[in-house]
């Protein structure tokens, strides 16, 4: 696989200049930037992997698959910030990436995704779809998974079952909540809004929401259905 040194030689610039363009650490003139990006694109295909939270470790298999096909996988973390996602997606577009695997951040803004697809970049959604955007996706059946979890607790005889969701701006969190509610209603168990807590898919969120639930005045179950870190 071609290295940053090879790109520097082909573009007739220093290795530091190539690094500055790739990392965005310093401004580089338009003419030199264009040479670097052209040669970087020519060396291998570039695929971007946008993860809203890198603690989830989704990128290992993708990195291996990309390497086997002579692609360079750039992994970036949006930290669930739509503004950061927009900047990173635009950067990958300027680097002429061939494709982007996107685990989207919550938010209604999708113009940066449309700009990427309009530029001919293939986008595949991972784990969740973005509203009003059509693209290939790799998804779980979140609603069925949630129903199965609730069904198990109901089978054990429990009726006061709480749920800690992810951000409801995300489709997968909404699907899980919907599955939870459907399974309760199917068993003639009333959905209690006081047993529904919205987290943000971080471990700290799940911990804090569970503490809040335990401190609440709701007479609580011994069993808690938590999706806070199942994401």
C-alpha atoms as a PDB file:
ATOM      1  CA  UNK A   1       0.000   0.000   0.000  1.00  0.00           C
ATOM      2  CA  UNK A   2       1.327   3.420  -0.951  1.00  0.00           C
ATOM      3  CA  UNK A   3       2.461   5.579   1.958  1.00  0.00           C
ATOM      4  CA  UNK A   4       2.436   9.278   2.791  1.00  0.00           C
ATOM      5  CA  UNK A   5       6.075   9.353   1.633  1.00  0.00           C
ATOM      6  CA  UNK A   6       5.043   8.150  -1.835  1.00  0.00           C
ATOM      7  CA  UNK A   7       2.341  10.814  -2.037  1.00  0.00           C
ATOM      8  CA  UNK A   8       4.872  13.500  -1.057  1.00  0.00           C
ATOM      9  CA  UNK A   9       7.282  12.350  -3.791  1.00  0.00           C
ATOM     10  CA  UNK A  10       4.586  12.240  -6.474  1.00  0.00           C
ATOM     11  CA  UNK A  11       3.240  15.656  -5.499  1.00  0.00           C
ATOM     12  CA  UNK A  12       6.780  17.144  -5.166  1.00  0.00           C
ATOM     13  CA  UNK A  13       6.114  18.426  -1.646  1.00  0.00           C
ATOM     14  CA  UNK A  14       7.415  17.619   1.813  1.00  0.00           C
ATOM     15  CA  UNK A  15       6.012  14.857   3.976  1.00  0.00           C
ATOM     16  CA  UNK A  16       5.018  17.510   6.522  1.00  0.00           C
ATOM     17  CA  UNK A  17       2.942  19.305   3.875  1.00  0.00           C
ATOM     18  CA  UNK A  18       1.093  16.096   3.005  1.00  0.00           C
ATOM     19  CA  UNK A  19       0.474  15.519   6.713  1.00  0.00           C
ATOM     20  CA  UNK A  20      -0.882  19.048   7.113  1.00  0.00           C
ATOM     21  CA  UNK A  21      -3.354  18.510   4.273  1.00  0.00           C
ATOM     22  CA  UNK A  22      -4.523  15.138   5.576  1.00  0.00           C
ATOM     23  CA  UNK A  23      -4.820  16.287   9.173  1.00  0.00           C
ATOM     24  CA  UNK A  24      -5.889  19.844   8.458  1.00  0.00           C
ATOM     25  CA  UNK A  25      -3.325  21.142  10.956  1.00  0.00           C
ATOM     26  CA  UNK A  26      -1.972  24.010   8.825  1.00  0.00           C
ATOM     27  CA  UNK A  27      -3.113  25.915   5.777  1.00  0.00           C
ATOM     28  CA  UNK A  28      -1.646  24.723   2.495  1.00  0.00           C
ATOM     29  CA  UNK A  29      -1.889  26.653  -0.770  1.00  0.00           C
ATOM     30  CA  UNK A  30      -4.634  25.620  -3.188  1.00  0.00           C
ATOM     31  CA  UNK A  31      -2.223  24.456  -5.916  1.00  0.00           C
ATOM     32  CA  UNK A  32      -0.176  22.230  -3.606  1.00  0.00           C
ATOM     33  CA  UNK A  33      -3.308  20.967  -1.848  1.00  0.00           C
ATOM     34  CA  UNK A  34      -4.770  19.940  -5.211  1.00  0.00           C
ATOM     35  CA  UNK A  35      -1.587  18.041  -6.154  1.00  0.00           C
ATOM     36  CA  UNK A  36      -1.549  16.225  -2.836  1.00  0.00           C
ATOM     37  CA  UNK A  37      -5.226  15.300  -2.965  1.00  0.00           C
ATOM     38  CA  UNK A  38      -4.945  14.103  -6.559  1.00  0.00           C
ATOM     39  CA  UNK A  39      -1.978  11.880  -5.774  1.00  0.00           C
ATOM     40  CA  UNK A  40      -3.507  10.645  -2.534  1.00  0.00           C
ATOM     41  CA  UNK A  41      -6.621   9.653  -4.428  1.00  0.00           C
ATOM     42  CA  UNK A  42      -4.577   7.977  -7.160  1.00  0.00           C
ATOM     43  CA  UNK A  43      -2.518   5.864  -4.799  1.00  0.00           C
ATOM     44  CA  UNK A  44      -5.452   3.847  -3.391  1.00  0.00           C
ATOM     45  CA  UNK A  45      -9.154   4.203  -2.956  1.00  0.00           C
ATOM     46  CA  UNK A  46     -10.149   6.139   0.149  1.00  0.00           C
ATOM     47  CA  UNK A  47     -13.097   5.154   2.287  1.00  0.00           C
ATOM     48  CA  UNK A  48     -14.311   7.230   5.198  1.00  0.00           C
ATOM     49  CA  UNK A  49     -15.816   5.740   8.314  1.00  0.00           C
ATOM     50  CA  UNK A  50     -17.879   8.214  10.355  1.00  0.00           C
ATOM     51  CA  UNK A  51     -18.702   6.925  13.800  1.00  0.00           C
ATOM     52  CA  UNK A  52     -20.743   8.932  16.251  1.00  0.00           C
ATOM     53  CA  UNK A  53     -18.969   7.273  19.168  1.00  0.00           C
ATOM     54  CA  UNK A  54     -15.747   5.338  18.613  1.00  0.00           C
ATOM     55  CA  UNK A  55     -16.179   3.465  21.881  1.00  0.00           C
ATOM     56  CA  UNK A  56     -18.446   1.189  19.905  1.00  0.00           C
ATOM     57  CA  UNK A  57     -15.590  -0.408  17.953  1.00  0.00           C
ATOM     58  CA  UNK A  58     -17.514  -0.963  14.740  1.00  0.00           C
ATOM     59  CA  UNK A  59     -14.615  -0.107  12.486  1.00  0.00           C
ATOM     60  CA  UNK A  60     -12.366  -3.175  12.974  1.00  0.00           C
ATOM     61  CA  UNK A  61     -14.034  -5.369  10.367  1.00  0.00           C
ATOM     62  CA  UNK A  62     -14.383  -2.475   7.951  1.00  0.00           C
ATOM     63  CA  UNK A  63     -10.698  -1.622   8.262  1.00  0.00           C
ATOM     64  CA  UNK A  64      -9.732  -5.223   7.481  1.00  0.00           C
ATOM     65  CA  UNK A  65     -12.094  -5.440   4.483  1.00  0.00           C
ATOM     66  CA  UNK A  66     -10.819  -2.115   3.131  1.00  0.00           C
ATOM     67  CA  UNK A  67      -7.175  -3.154   3.477  1.00  0.00           C
ATOM     68  CA  UNK A  68      -7.820  -6.425   1.634  1.00  0.00           C
ATOM     69  CA  UNK A  69      -9.141  -4.398  -1.309  1.00  0.00           C
ATOM     70  CA  UNK A  70      -6.353  -1.792  -1.292  1.00  0.00           C
ATOM     71  CA  UNK A  71      -8.485   0.913   0.273  1.00  0.00           C
ATOM     72  CA  UNK A  72      -7.319   3.301   2.948  1.00  0.00           C
ATOM     73  CA  UNK A  73      -9.980   3.594   5.648  1.00  0.00           C
ATOM     74  CA  UNK A  74     -10.090   6.943   7.419  1.00  0.00           C
ATOM     75  CA  UNK A  75     -11.864   6.593  10.770  1.00  0.00           C
ATOM     76  CA  UNK A  76     -13.238   9.756  12.317  1.00  0.00           C
ATOM     77  CA  UNK A  77     -15.328  10.388  15.403  1.00  0.00           C
ATOM     78  CA  UNK A  78     -18.196  12.889  15.292  1.00  0.00           C
ATOM     79  CA  UNK A  79     -18.886  12.523  19.022  1.00  0.00           C
ATOM     80  CA  UNK A  80     -22.609  12.700  18.108  1.00  0.00           C
ATOM     81  CA  UNK A  81     -22.224  16.343  17.001  1.00  0.00           C
ATOM     82  CA  UNK A  82     -23.990  17.152  13.743  1.00  0.00           C
ATOM     83  CA  UNK A  83     -21.742  20.179  13.155  1.00  0.00           C
ATOM     84  CA  UNK A  84     -18.644  18.048  13.458  1.00  0.00           C
ATOM     85  CA  UNK A  85     -20.163  15.406  11.189  1.00  0.00           C
ATOM     86  CA  UNK A  86     -20.829  18.087   8.567  1.00  0.00           C
ATOM     87  CA  UNK A  87     -17.223  19.330   8.669  1.00  0.00           C
ATOM     88  CA  UNK A  88     -15.743  15.839   8.490  1.00  0.00           C
ATOM     89  CA  UNK A  89     -18.019  14.747   5.657  1.00  0.00           C
ATOM     90  CA  UNK A  90     -17.139  17.849   3.672  1.00  0.00           C
ATOM     91  CA  UNK A  91     -13.449  17.185   4.281  1.00  0.00           C
ATOM     92  CA  UNK A  92     -13.725  13.631   2.970  1.00  0.00           C
ATOM     93  CA  UNK A  93     -15.571  14.960  -0.069  1.00  0.00           C
ATOM     94  CA  UNK A  94     -12.707  17.382  -0.749  1.00  0.00           C
ATOM     95  CA  UNK A  95     -10.256  14.476  -0.429  1.00  0.00           C
ATOM     96  CA  UNK A  96     -12.267  12.644  -3.094  1.00  0.00           C
ATOM     97  CA  UNK A  97     -13.161   9.667  -0.953  1.00  0.00           C
ATOM     98  CA  UNK A  98     -14.727   6.774  -2.865  1.00  0.00           C
ATOM     99  CA  UNK A  99     -17.224   5.903  -0.161  1.00  0.00           C
ATOM    100  CA  UNK A 100     -18.376   6.718   3.345  1.00  0.00           C
ATOM    101  CA  UNK A 101     -19.742   4.417   6.038  1.00  0.00           C
ATOM    102  CA  UNK A 102     -21.846   6.683   8.222  1.00  0.00           C
ATOM    103  CA  UNK A 103     -23.138   6.054  11.743  1.00  0.00           C
ATOM    104  CA  UNK A 104     -24.978   9.339  11.824  1.00  0.00           C
ATOM    105  CA  UNK A 105     -25.147  11.877  14.611  1.00  0.00           C
ATOM    106  CA  UNK A 106     -28.582  13.014  15.817  1.00  0.00           C
ATOM    107  CA  UNK A 107     -29.972  15.961  13.910  1.00  0.00           C
ATOM    108  CA  UNK A 108     -32.255  16.972  11.082  1.00  0.00           C
ATOM    109  CA  UNK A 109     -29.559  18.589   8.908  1.00  0.00           C
ATOM    110  CA  UNK A 110     -28.679  16.343   5.936  1.00  0.00           C
ATOM    111  CA  UNK A 111     -27.405  18.734   3.259  1.00  0.00           C
ATOM    112  CA  UNK A 112     -23.814  17.589   3.811  1.00  0.00           C
ATOM    113  CA  UNK A 113     -24.869  13.990   3.077  1.00  0.00           C
ATOM    114  CA  UNK A 114     -26.716  15.033  -0.073  1.00  0.00           C
ATOM    115  CA  UNK A 115     -23.657  17.007  -1.176  1.00  0.00           C
ATOM    116  CA  UNK A 116     -21.487  13.922  -0.763  1.00  0.00           C
ATOM    117  CA  UNK A 117     -23.806  11.676  -2.786  1.00  0.00           C
ATOM    118  CA  UNK A 118     -24.214  14.383  -5.442  1.00  0.00           C
ATOM    119  CA  UNK A 119     -20.417  14.373  -5.795  1.00  0.00           C
ATOM    120  CA  UNK A 120     -20.576  10.660  -6.623  1.00  0.00           C
ATOM    121  CA  UNK A 121     -19.518   9.353  -3.209  1.00  0.00           C
ATOM    122  CA  UNK A 122     -21.289   6.167  -2.160  1.00  0.00           C
ATOM    123  CA  UNK A 123     -22.780   6.424   1.341  1.00  0.00           C
ATOM    124  CA  UNK A 124     -23.778   3.414   3.423  1.00  0.00           C
ATOM    125  CA  UNK A 125     -25.555   3.973   6.716  1.00  0.00           C
ATOM    126  CA  UNK A 126     -24.547   1.857   9.675  1.00  0.00           C
ATOM    127  CA  UNK A 127     -26.881   1.000  12.548  1.00  0.00           C
ATOM    128  CA  UNK A 128     -29.417   3.732  11.785  1.00  0.00           C
ATOM    129  CA  UNK A 129     -30.999   5.578   8.888  1.00  0.00           C
ATOM    130  CA  UNK A 130     -31.161   9.323   8.463  1.00  0.00           C
ATOM    131  CA  UNK A 131     -34.634  10.760   7.950  1.00  0.00           C
ATOM    132  CA  UNK A 132     -35.541  11.710   4.366  1.00  0.00           C
ATOM    133  CA  UNK A 133     -32.323  10.250   2.970  1.00  0.00           C
ATOM    134  CA  UNK A 134     -32.250   7.141   0.782  1.00  0.00           C
ATOM    135  CA  UNK A 135     -29.138   4.992   0.740  1.00  0.00           C
ATOM    136  CA  UNK A 136     -27.902   1.490   1.375  1.00  0.00           C
ATOM    137  CA  UNK A 137     -27.729   0.565   5.045  1.00  0.00           C
ATOM    138  CA  UNK A 138     -26.627  -2.186   7.398  1.00  0.00           C
ATOM    139  CA  UNK A 139     -29.199  -2.326  10.184  1.00  0.00           C
ATOM    140  CA  UNK A 140     -30.454  -4.420  13.063  1.00  0.00           C
ATOM    141  CA  UNK A 141     -34.122  -5.236  13.536  1.00  0.00           C
ATOM    142  CA  UNK A 142     -34.275  -2.999  16.596  1.00  0.00           C
ATOM    143  CA  UNK A 143     -38.011  -3.243  17.130  1.00  0.00           C
ATOM    144  CA  UNK A 144     -38.003  -7.051  17.159  1.00  0.00           C
ATOM    145  CA  UNK A 145     -34.988  -7.126  19.470  1.00  0.00           C
ATOM    146  CA  UNK A 146     -36.710  -4.820  21.940  1.00  0.00           C
ATOM    147  CA  UNK A 147     -39.894  -6.875  21.835  1.00  0.00           C
ATOM    148  CA  UNK A 148     -37.943 -10.052  22.543  1.00  0.00           C
ATOM    149  CA  UNK A 149     -36.277  -8.474  25.598  1.00  0.00           C
ATOM    150  CA  UNK A 150     -39.594  -7.292  27.005  1.00  0.00           C
ATOM    151  CA  UNK A 151     -41.255 -10.610  26.184  1.00  0.00           C
ATOM    152  CA  UNK A 152     -38.600 -12.417  28.211  1.00  0.00           C
ATOM    153  CA  UNK A 153     -39.191 -10.241  31.283  1.00  0.00           C
ATOM    154  CA  UNK A 154     -42.944 -10.627  30.943  1.00  0.00           C
ATOM    155  CA  UNK A 155     -42.506 -14.388  30.737  1.00  0.00           C
ATOM    156  CA  UNK A 156     -40.652 -14.242  34.052  1.00  0.00           C
ATOM    157  CA  UNK A 157     -43.731 -12.610  35.556  1.00  0.00           C
ATOM    158  CA  UNK A 158     -42.577  -8.975  35.686  1.00  0.00           C
ATOM    159  CA  UNK A 159     -44.953  -6.164  34.787  1.00  0.00           C
ATOM    160  CA  UNK A 160     -43.183  -2.951  35.839  1.00  0.00           C
ATOM    161  CA  UNK A 161     -40.475  -2.866  33.196  1.00  0.00           C
ATOM    162  CA  UNK A 162     -38.484   0.319  32.602  1.00  0.00           C
ATOM    163  CA  UNK A 163     -36.521   1.319  29.546  1.00  0.00           C
ATOM    164  CA  UNK A 164     -33.598   3.688  29.078  1.00  0.00           C
ATOM    165  CA  UNK A 165     -33.483   4.611  25.423  1.00  0.00           C
ATOM    166  CA  UNK A 166     -30.929   6.305  23.260  1.00  0.00           C
ATOM    167  CA  UNK A 167     -31.557   9.753  21.730  1.00  0.00           C
ATOM    168  CA  UNK A 168     -35.020   9.616  20.195  1.00  0.00           C
ATOM    169  CA  UNK A 169     -33.779  11.751  17.315  1.00  0.00           C
ATOM    170  CA  UNK A 170     -32.209   8.496  16.095  1.00  0.00           C
ATOM    171  CA  UNK A 171     -34.294   5.897  14.288  1.00  0.00           C
ATOM    172  CA  UNK A 172     -32.830   2.920  16.144  1.00  0.00           C
ATOM    173  CA  UNK A 173     -33.770   4.419  19.524  1.00  0.00           C
ATOM    174  CA  UNK A 174     -37.306   5.109  18.324  1.00  0.00           C
ATOM    175  CA  UNK A 175     -37.635   1.578  16.950  1.00  0.00           C
ATOM    176  CA  UNK A 176     -36.556   0.073  20.268  1.00  0.00           C
ATOM    177  CA  UNK A 177     -38.987   2.213  22.213  1.00  0.00           C
ATOM    178  CA  UNK A 178     -41.743   1.262  19.796  1.00  0.00           C
ATOM    179  CA  UNK A 179     -40.941  -2.427  20.244  1.00  0.00           C
ATOM    180  CA  UNK A 180     -40.968  -2.030  24.022  1.00  0.00           C
ATOM    181  CA  UNK A 181     -44.382  -0.349  23.961  1.00  0.00           C
ATOM    182  CA  UNK A 182     -45.903  -2.781  21.458  1.00  0.00           C
ATOM    183  CA  UNK A 183     -44.913  -5.830  23.473  1.00  0.00           C
ATOM    184  CA  UNK A 184     -46.307  -4.369  26.671  1.00  0.00           C
ATOM    185  CA  UNK A 185     -49.619  -3.542  25.008  1.00  0.00           C
ATOM    186  CA  UNK A 186     -49.771  -6.979  23.423  1.00  0.00           C
ATOM    187  CA  UNK A 187     -49.734  -8.434  26.943  1.00  0.00           C
ATOM    188  CA  UNK A 188     -52.283  -5.895  28.219  1.00  0.00           C
ATOM    189  CA  UNK A 189     -49.662  -4.102  30.296  1.00  0.00           C
ATOM    190  CA  UNK A 190     -50.150  -0.348  30.421  1.00  0.00           C
ATOM    191  CA  UNK A 191     -47.220   1.735  29.202  1.00  0.00           C
ATOM    192  CA  UNK A 192     -46.108   3.963  32.080  1.00  0.00           C
ATOM    193  CA  UNK A 193     -44.305   7.141  30.890  1.00  0.00           C
ATOM    194  CA  UNK A 194     -42.590   7.334  34.294  1.00  0.00           C
ATOM    195  CA  UNK A 195     -40.706   4.159  33.402  1.00  0.00           C
ATOM    196  CA  UNK A 196     -39.325   5.574  30.143  1.00  0.00           C
ATOM    197  CA  UNK A 197     -36.015   7.443  30.335  1.00  0.00           C
ATOM    198  CA  UNK A 198     -34.072   8.915  27.446  1.00  0.00           C
ATOM    199  CA  UNK A 199     -30.295   8.554  27.498  1.00  0.00           C
ATOM    200  CA  UNK A 200     -27.621   9.265  24.904  1.00  0.00           C
ATOM    201  CA  UNK A 201     -26.013   5.829  24.347  1.00  0.00           C
ATOM    202  CA  UNK A 202     -23.065   6.522  26.625  1.00  0.00           C
ATOM    203  CA  UNK A 203     -22.198   4.374  29.615  1.00  0.00           C
ATOM    204  CA  UNK A 204     -22.363   7.386  31.907  1.00  0.00           C
ATOM    205  CA  UNK A 205     -25.834   8.148  30.604  1.00  0.00           C
ATOM    206  CA  UNK A 206     -27.072   4.643  31.350  1.00  0.00           C
ATOM    207  CA  UNK A 207     -25.571   4.787  34.832  1.00  0.00           C
ATOM    208  CA  UNK A 208     -27.066   8.177  35.643  1.00  0.00           C
ATOM    209  CA  UNK A 209     -30.490   7.331  34.224  1.00  0.00           C
ATOM    210  CA  UNK A 210     -30.579   4.097  36.210  1.00  0.00           C
ATOM    211  CA  UNK A 211     -29.708   6.003  39.403  1.00  0.00           C
ATOM    212  CA  UNK A 212     -32.431   8.523  38.650  1.00  0.00           C
ATOM    213  CA  UNK A 213     -34.895   5.717  38.117  1.00  0.00           C
ATOM    214  CA  UNK A 214     -33.930   4.038  41.380  1.00  0.00           C
ATOM    215  CA  UNK A 215     -34.270   7.336  43.249  1.00  0.00           C
ATOM    216  CA  UNK A 216     -37.653   8.102  41.729  1.00  0.00           C
ATOM    217  CA  UNK A 217     -40.910   7.619  43.559  1.00  0.00           C
ATOM    218  CA  UNK A 218     -41.899   4.883  41.147  1.00  0.00           C
ATOM    219  CA  UNK A 219     -42.100   1.615  43.042  1.00  0.00           C
ATOM    220  CA  UNK A 220     -39.528  -0.223  41.077  1.00  0.00           C
ATOM    221  CA  UNK A 221     -38.990  -3.625  39.671  1.00  0.00           C
ATOM    222  CA  UNK A 222     -35.872  -5.564  40.182  1.00  0.00           C
ATOM    223  CA  UNK A 223     -35.432  -5.842  36.436  1.00  0.00           C
ATOM    224  CA  UNK A 224     -34.543  -3.003  34.171  1.00  0.00           C
ATOM    225  CA  UNK A 225     -34.466  -3.087  30.406  1.00  0.00           C
ATOM    226  CA  UNK A 226     -31.629  -0.784  29.454  1.00  0.00           C
ATOM    227  CA  UNK A 227     -30.628   0.115  25.895  1.00  0.00           C
ATOM    228  CA  UNK A 228     -28.245   2.837  27.011  1.00  0.00           C
ATOM    229  CA  UNK A 229     -25.130   0.858  26.056  1.00  0.00           C
ATOM    230  CA  UNK A 230     -26.791  -1.559  23.630  1.00  0.00           C
ATOM    231  CA  UNK A 231     -26.302   0.494  20.515  1.00  0.00           C
END
